């Protein structure tokens, strides 16, 4: 096997794992996608994908980190979430990993809800906070998926142009 073939295979694996990481909070999604693309560009001696494209891809990766943070924070802030609710959402997200797709969907909500109850809020307010926090996380995932496909499109355009 040619060493470049191995590099391209590892790059493709990093991109695939990174796309999964957009949905699974344990993995740094778009940074892994970017590293995979950088490895593929390097393996090709930057002939197909140059520094201009890689800079744009890097900026999209940075934007994804900002989107991730802001979407969750804005969703939680709009409904008056406490720090305990945010901590609960993070813990719920990780705990949800053990319960498959339902856990990934419900974990952040349940975690934020329990965090608000721990904070001393009533069930109605805690439910609103849980839903608002979950909505922010879901919006962040949708936006990051859009960025992932934009990055893949930009990379493919640069590669085949």
C-alpha atoms as a PDB file:
ATOM      1  CA  UNK A   1       0.000   0.000   0.000  1.00  0.00           C
ATOM      2  CA  UNK A   2       1.297   3.428  -0.948  1.00  0.00           C
ATOM      3  CA  UNK A   3       1.863   5.747   2.034  1.00  0.00           C
ATOM      4  CA  UNK A   4      -0.285   8.464   0.445  1.00  0.00           C
ATOM      5  CA  UNK A   5      -3.154   5.980   0.206  1.00  0.00           C
ATOM      6  CA  UNK A   6      -2.813   5.450   3.941  1.00  0.00           C
ATOM      7  CA  UNK A   7      -2.826   9.222   4.546  1.00  0.00           C
ATOM      8  CA  UNK A   8      -5.957   9.624   2.432  1.00  0.00           C
ATOM      9  CA  UNK A   9      -7.650   6.755   4.279  1.00  0.00           C
ATOM     10  CA  UNK A  10      -6.827   8.317   7.661  1.00  0.00           C
ATOM     11  CA  UNK A  11      -8.028  11.705   6.368  1.00  0.00           C
ATOM     12  CA  UNK A  12     -11.328  10.192   5.228  1.00  0.00           C
ATOM     13  CA  UNK A  13     -11.712   8.473   8.603  1.00  0.00           C
ATOM     14  CA  UNK A  14     -11.062  11.735  10.449  1.00  0.00           C
ATOM     15  CA  UNK A  15     -13.662  13.514   8.313  1.00  0.00           C
ATOM     16  CA  UNK A  16     -16.245  10.760   8.905  1.00  0.00           C
ATOM     17  CA  UNK A  17     -15.596  10.705  12.661  1.00  0.00           C
ATOM     18  CA  UNK A  18     -15.730  14.504  12.682  1.00  0.00           C
ATOM     19  CA  UNK A  19     -19.141  14.521  11.018  1.00  0.00           C
ATOM     20  CA  UNK A  20     -20.332  12.051  13.653  1.00  0.00           C
ATOM     21  CA  UNK A  21     -18.835  14.409  16.230  1.00  0.00           C
ATOM     22  CA  UNK A  22     -21.114  17.194  15.066  1.00  0.00           C
ATOM     23  CA  UNK A  23     -23.944  15.156  16.579  1.00  0.00           C
ATOM     24  CA  UNK A  24     -22.057  13.315  19.335  1.00  0.00           C
ATOM     25  CA  UNK A  25     -20.816  15.851  21.888  1.00  0.00           C
ATOM     26  CA  UNK A  26     -17.880  13.703  23.008  1.00  0.00           C
ATOM     27  CA  UNK A  27     -16.014  14.285  19.746  1.00  0.00           C
ATOM     28  CA  UNK A  28     -14.722  17.652  18.506  1.00  0.00           C
ATOM     29  CA  UNK A  29     -16.682  17.425  15.237  1.00  0.00           C
ATOM     30  CA  UNK A  30     -15.604  20.137  12.854  1.00  0.00           C
ATOM     31  CA  UNK A  31     -12.042  20.397  14.172  1.00  0.00           C
ATOM     32  CA  UNK A  32     -11.652  16.701  13.259  1.00  0.00           C
ATOM     33  CA  UNK A  33     -13.136  17.376   9.823  1.00  0.00           C
ATOM     34  CA  UNK A  34     -10.621  20.185   9.359  1.00  0.00           C
ATOM     35  CA  UNK A  35      -7.677  18.022  10.479  1.00  0.00           C
ATOM     36  CA  UNK A  36      -8.776  15.325   8.016  1.00  0.00           C
ATOM     37  CA  UNK A  37      -8.932  17.857   5.198  1.00  0.00           C
ATOM     38  CA  UNK A  38      -5.572  19.309   6.174  1.00  0.00           C
ATOM     39  CA  UNK A  39      -4.045  15.812   6.140  1.00  0.00           C
ATOM     40  CA  UNK A  40      -5.515  15.105   2.691  1.00  0.00           C
ATOM     41  CA  UNK A  41      -4.196  18.430   1.378  1.00  0.00           C
ATOM     42  CA  UNK A  42      -0.771  17.688   2.853  1.00  0.00           C
ATOM     43  CA  UNK A  43      -0.735  14.172   1.378  1.00  0.00           C
ATOM     44  CA  UNK A  44      -1.362  15.761  -2.011  1.00  0.00           C
ATOM     45  CA  UNK A  45       1.466  18.278  -1.468  1.00  0.00           C
ATOM     46  CA  UNK A  46      -1.153  21.060  -1.374  1.00  0.00           C
ATOM     47  CA  UNK A  47      -1.523  20.736  -5.155  1.00  0.00           C
ATOM     48  CA  UNK A  48      -5.312  20.282  -5.195  1.00  0.00           C
ATOM     49  CA  UNK A  49      -6.155  22.199  -2.022  1.00  0.00           C
ATOM     50  CA  UNK A  50      -3.963  25.189  -1.256  1.00  0.00           C
ATOM     51  CA  UNK A  51      -3.536  27.594   1.601  1.00  0.00           C
ATOM     52  CA  UNK A  52      -6.354  29.898   0.547  1.00  0.00           C
ATOM     53  CA  UNK A  53      -8.882  27.065   0.718  1.00  0.00           C
ATOM     54  CA  UNK A  54      -7.382  25.739   3.944  1.00  0.00           C
ATOM     55  CA  UNK A  55      -7.571  29.193   5.512  1.00  0.00           C
ATOM     56  CA  UNK A  56     -11.261  29.416   4.575  1.00  0.00           C
ATOM     57  CA  UNK A  57     -11.821  25.934   6.012  1.00  0.00           C
ATOM     58  CA  UNK A  58     -10.001  26.937   9.202  1.00  0.00           C
ATOM     59  CA  UNK A  59     -12.189  30.026   9.541  1.00  0.00           C
ATOM     60  CA  UNK A  60     -15.309  27.886   9.106  1.00  0.00           C
ATOM     61  CA  UNK A  61     -13.974  25.591  11.829  1.00  0.00           C
ATOM     62  CA  UNK A  62     -13.496  28.552  14.181  1.00  0.00           C
ATOM     63  CA  UNK A  63     -16.986  29.751  13.312  1.00  0.00           C
ATOM     64  CA  UNK A  64     -18.334  26.322  14.305  1.00  0.00           C
ATOM     65  CA  UNK A  65     -16.807  26.653  17.780  1.00  0.00           C
ATOM     66  CA  UNK A  66     -18.414  30.081  18.189  1.00  0.00           C
ATOM     67  CA  UNK A  67     -21.768  28.769  16.888  1.00  0.00           C
ATOM     68  CA  UNK A  68     -21.630  25.836  19.291  1.00  0.00           C
ATOM     69  CA  UNK A  69     -21.024  28.060  22.285  1.00  0.00           C
ATOM     70  CA  UNK A  70     -23.438  30.829  21.315  1.00  0.00           C
ATOM     71  CA  UNK A  71     -26.346  28.600  20.306  1.00  0.00           C
ATOM     72  CA  UNK A  72     -26.306  26.804  23.643  1.00  0.00           C
ATOM     73  CA  UNK A  73     -25.714  29.966  25.672  1.00  0.00           C
ATOM     74  CA  UNK A  74     -28.362  32.024  23.869  1.00  0.00           C
ATOM     75  CA  UNK A  75     -30.929  29.237  24.080  1.00  0.00           C
ATOM     76  CA  UNK A  76     -30.307  28.870  27.798  1.00  0.00           C
ATOM     77  CA  UNK A  77     -30.065  32.592  28.477  1.00  0.00           C
ATOM     78  CA  UNK A  78     -33.339  33.406  26.719  1.00  0.00           C
ATOM     79  CA  UNK A  79     -35.190  31.242  29.210  1.00  0.00           C
ATOM     80  CA  UNK A  80     -33.194  32.332  32.262  1.00  0.00           C
ATOM     81  CA  UNK A  81     -31.151  29.189  32.813  1.00  0.00           C
ATOM     82  CA  UNK A  82     -28.935  28.975  35.866  1.00  0.00           C
ATOM     83  CA  UNK A  83     -25.371  27.705  35.814  1.00  0.00           C
ATOM     84  CA  UNK A  84     -26.675  24.501  37.348  1.00  0.00           C
ATOM     85  CA  UNK A  85     -29.000  24.052  34.365  1.00  0.00           C
ATOM     86  CA  UNK A  86     -26.094  24.492  31.954  1.00  0.00           C
ATOM     87  CA  UNK A  87     -24.018  22.021  33.948  1.00  0.00           C
ATOM     88  CA  UNK A  88     -26.982  19.656  33.971  1.00  0.00           C
ATOM     89  CA  UNK A  89     -27.343  19.974  30.195  1.00  0.00           C
ATOM     90  CA  UNK A  90     -23.680  19.069  29.702  1.00  0.00           C
ATOM     91  CA  UNK A  91     -23.914  16.110  32.062  1.00  0.00           C
ATOM     92  CA  UNK A  92     -27.212  15.051  30.489  1.00  0.00           C
ATOM     93  CA  UNK A  93     -25.666  15.193  27.038  1.00  0.00           C
ATOM     94  CA  UNK A  94     -22.830  12.886  28.074  1.00  0.00           C
ATOM     95  CA  UNK A  95     -25.158  10.565  30.003  1.00  0.00           C
ATOM     96  CA  UNK A  96     -27.453  10.428  26.982  1.00  0.00           C
ATOM     97  CA  UNK A  97     -24.681   8.814  24.964  1.00  0.00           C
ATOM     98  CA  UNK A  98     -25.312   5.581  26.857  1.00  0.00           C
ATOM     99  CA  UNK A  99     -28.969   5.502  25.816  1.00  0.00           C
ATOM    100  CA  UNK A 100     -28.596   5.714  22.046  1.00  0.00           C
ATOM    101  CA  UNK A 101     -30.475   8.204  19.872  1.00  0.00           C
ATOM    102  CA  UNK A 102     -33.217   8.728  22.469  1.00  0.00           C
ATOM    103  CA  UNK A 103     -30.588   9.589  25.062  1.00  0.00           C
ATOM    104  CA  UNK A 104     -28.835  11.998  22.743  1.00  0.00           C
ATOM    105  CA  UNK A 105     -32.154  13.687  22.106  1.00  0.00           C
ATOM    106  CA  UNK A 106     -33.477  13.739  25.681  1.00  0.00           C
ATOM    107  CA  UNK A 107     -30.242  13.939  27.721  1.00  0.00           C
ATOM    108  CA  UNK A 108     -29.616  17.689  27.440  1.00  0.00           C
ATOM    109  CA  UNK A 109     -33.263  18.485  28.202  1.00  0.00           C
ATOM    110  CA  UNK A 110     -33.422  16.187  31.226  1.00  0.00           C
ATOM    111  CA  UNK A 111     -30.060  17.434  32.482  1.00  0.00           C
ATOM    112  CA  UNK A 112     -31.046  21.100  32.222  1.00  0.00           C
ATOM    113  CA  UNK A 113     -34.419  20.365  33.827  1.00  0.00           C
ATOM    114  CA  UNK A 114     -32.774  18.572  36.756  1.00  0.00           C
ATOM    115  CA  UNK A 115     -30.203  21.367  37.075  1.00  0.00           C
ATOM    116  CA  UNK A 116     -32.970  23.931  37.374  1.00  0.00           C
ATOM    117  CA  UNK A 117     -34.840  21.821  39.909  1.00  0.00           C
ATOM    118  CA  UNK A 118     -31.581  21.534  41.877  1.00  0.00           C
ATOM    119  CA  UNK A 119     -31.307  25.323  41.640  1.00  0.00           C
ATOM    120  CA  UNK A 120     -34.678  25.521  43.375  1.00  0.00           C
ATOM    121  CA  UNK A 121     -36.956  26.433  40.469  1.00  0.00           C
ATOM    122  CA  UNK A 122     -40.494  25.208  40.129  1.00  0.00           C
ATOM    123  CA  UNK A 123     -41.267  22.432  37.656  1.00  0.00           C
ATOM    124  CA  UNK A 124     -42.869  24.755  35.064  1.00  0.00           C
ATOM    125  CA  UNK A 125     -39.884  27.124  34.970  1.00  0.00           C
ATOM    126  CA  UNK A 126     -37.439  24.205  35.025  1.00  0.00           C
ATOM    127  CA  UNK A 127     -39.261  22.630  32.065  1.00  0.00           C
ATOM    128  CA  UNK A 128     -39.065  25.902  30.076  1.00  0.00           C
ATOM    129  CA  UNK A 129     -35.353  26.162  30.852  1.00  0.00           C
ATOM    130  CA  UNK A 130     -34.792  22.532  29.886  1.00  0.00           C
ATOM    131  CA  UNK A 131     -36.597  23.024  26.585  1.00  0.00           C
ATOM    132  CA  UNK A 132     -34.838  26.326  25.823  1.00  0.00           C
ATOM    133  CA  UNK A 133     -31.440  24.829  26.556  1.00  0.00           C
ATOM    134  CA  UNK A 134     -32.237  21.772  24.445  1.00  0.00           C
ATOM    135  CA  UNK A 135     -33.473  23.992  21.612  1.00  0.00           C
ATOM    136  CA  UNK A 136     -30.211  25.953  21.686  1.00  0.00           C
ATOM    137  CA  UNK A 137     -28.184  22.746  21.523  1.00  0.00           C
ATOM    138  CA  UNK A 138     -30.349  21.393  18.679  1.00  0.00           C
ATOM    139  CA  UNK A 139     -29.978  24.661  16.750  1.00  0.00           C
ATOM    140  CA  UNK A 140     -26.224  24.466  17.246  1.00  0.00           C
ATOM    141  CA  UNK A 141     -26.135  20.928  15.839  1.00  0.00           C
ATOM    142  CA  UNK A 142     -28.154  21.989  12.781  1.00  0.00           C
ATOM    143  CA  UNK A 143     -25.886  24.983  12.163  1.00  0.00           C
ATOM    144  CA  UNK A 144     -22.745  22.864  12.616  1.00  0.00           C
ATOM    145  CA  UNK A 145     -24.078  20.267  10.179  1.00  0.00           C
ATOM    146  CA  UNK A 146     -24.572  23.072   7.669  1.00  0.00           C
ATOM    147  CA  UNK A 147     -21.006  24.225   8.265  1.00  0.00           C
ATOM    148  CA  UNK A 148     -19.730  20.647   7.898  1.00  0.00           C
ATOM    149  CA  UNK A 149     -21.373  20.263   4.510  1.00  0.00           C
ATOM    150  CA  UNK A 150     -20.168  23.726   3.466  1.00  0.00           C
ATOM    151  CA  UNK A 151     -16.627  22.665   4.398  1.00  0.00           C
ATOM    152  CA  UNK A 152     -16.947  19.418   2.458  1.00  0.00           C
ATOM    153  CA  UNK A 153     -18.314  21.321  -0.533  1.00  0.00           C
ATOM    154  CA  UNK A 154     -15.505  23.889  -0.404  1.00  0.00           C
ATOM    155  CA  UNK A 155     -12.891  21.147  -0.072  1.00  0.00           C
ATOM    156  CA  UNK A 156     -14.373  19.150  -2.971  1.00  0.00           C
ATOM    157  CA  UNK A 157     -14.583  22.287  -5.104  1.00  0.00           C
ATOM    158  CA  UNK A 158     -10.939  23.112  -4.414  1.00  0.00           C
ATOM    159  CA  UNK A 159      -9.860  19.505  -4.970  1.00  0.00           C
ATOM    160  CA  UNK A 160     -11.565  19.049  -8.341  1.00  0.00           C
ATOM    161  CA  UNK A 161     -11.196  22.595  -9.718  1.00  0.00           C
END
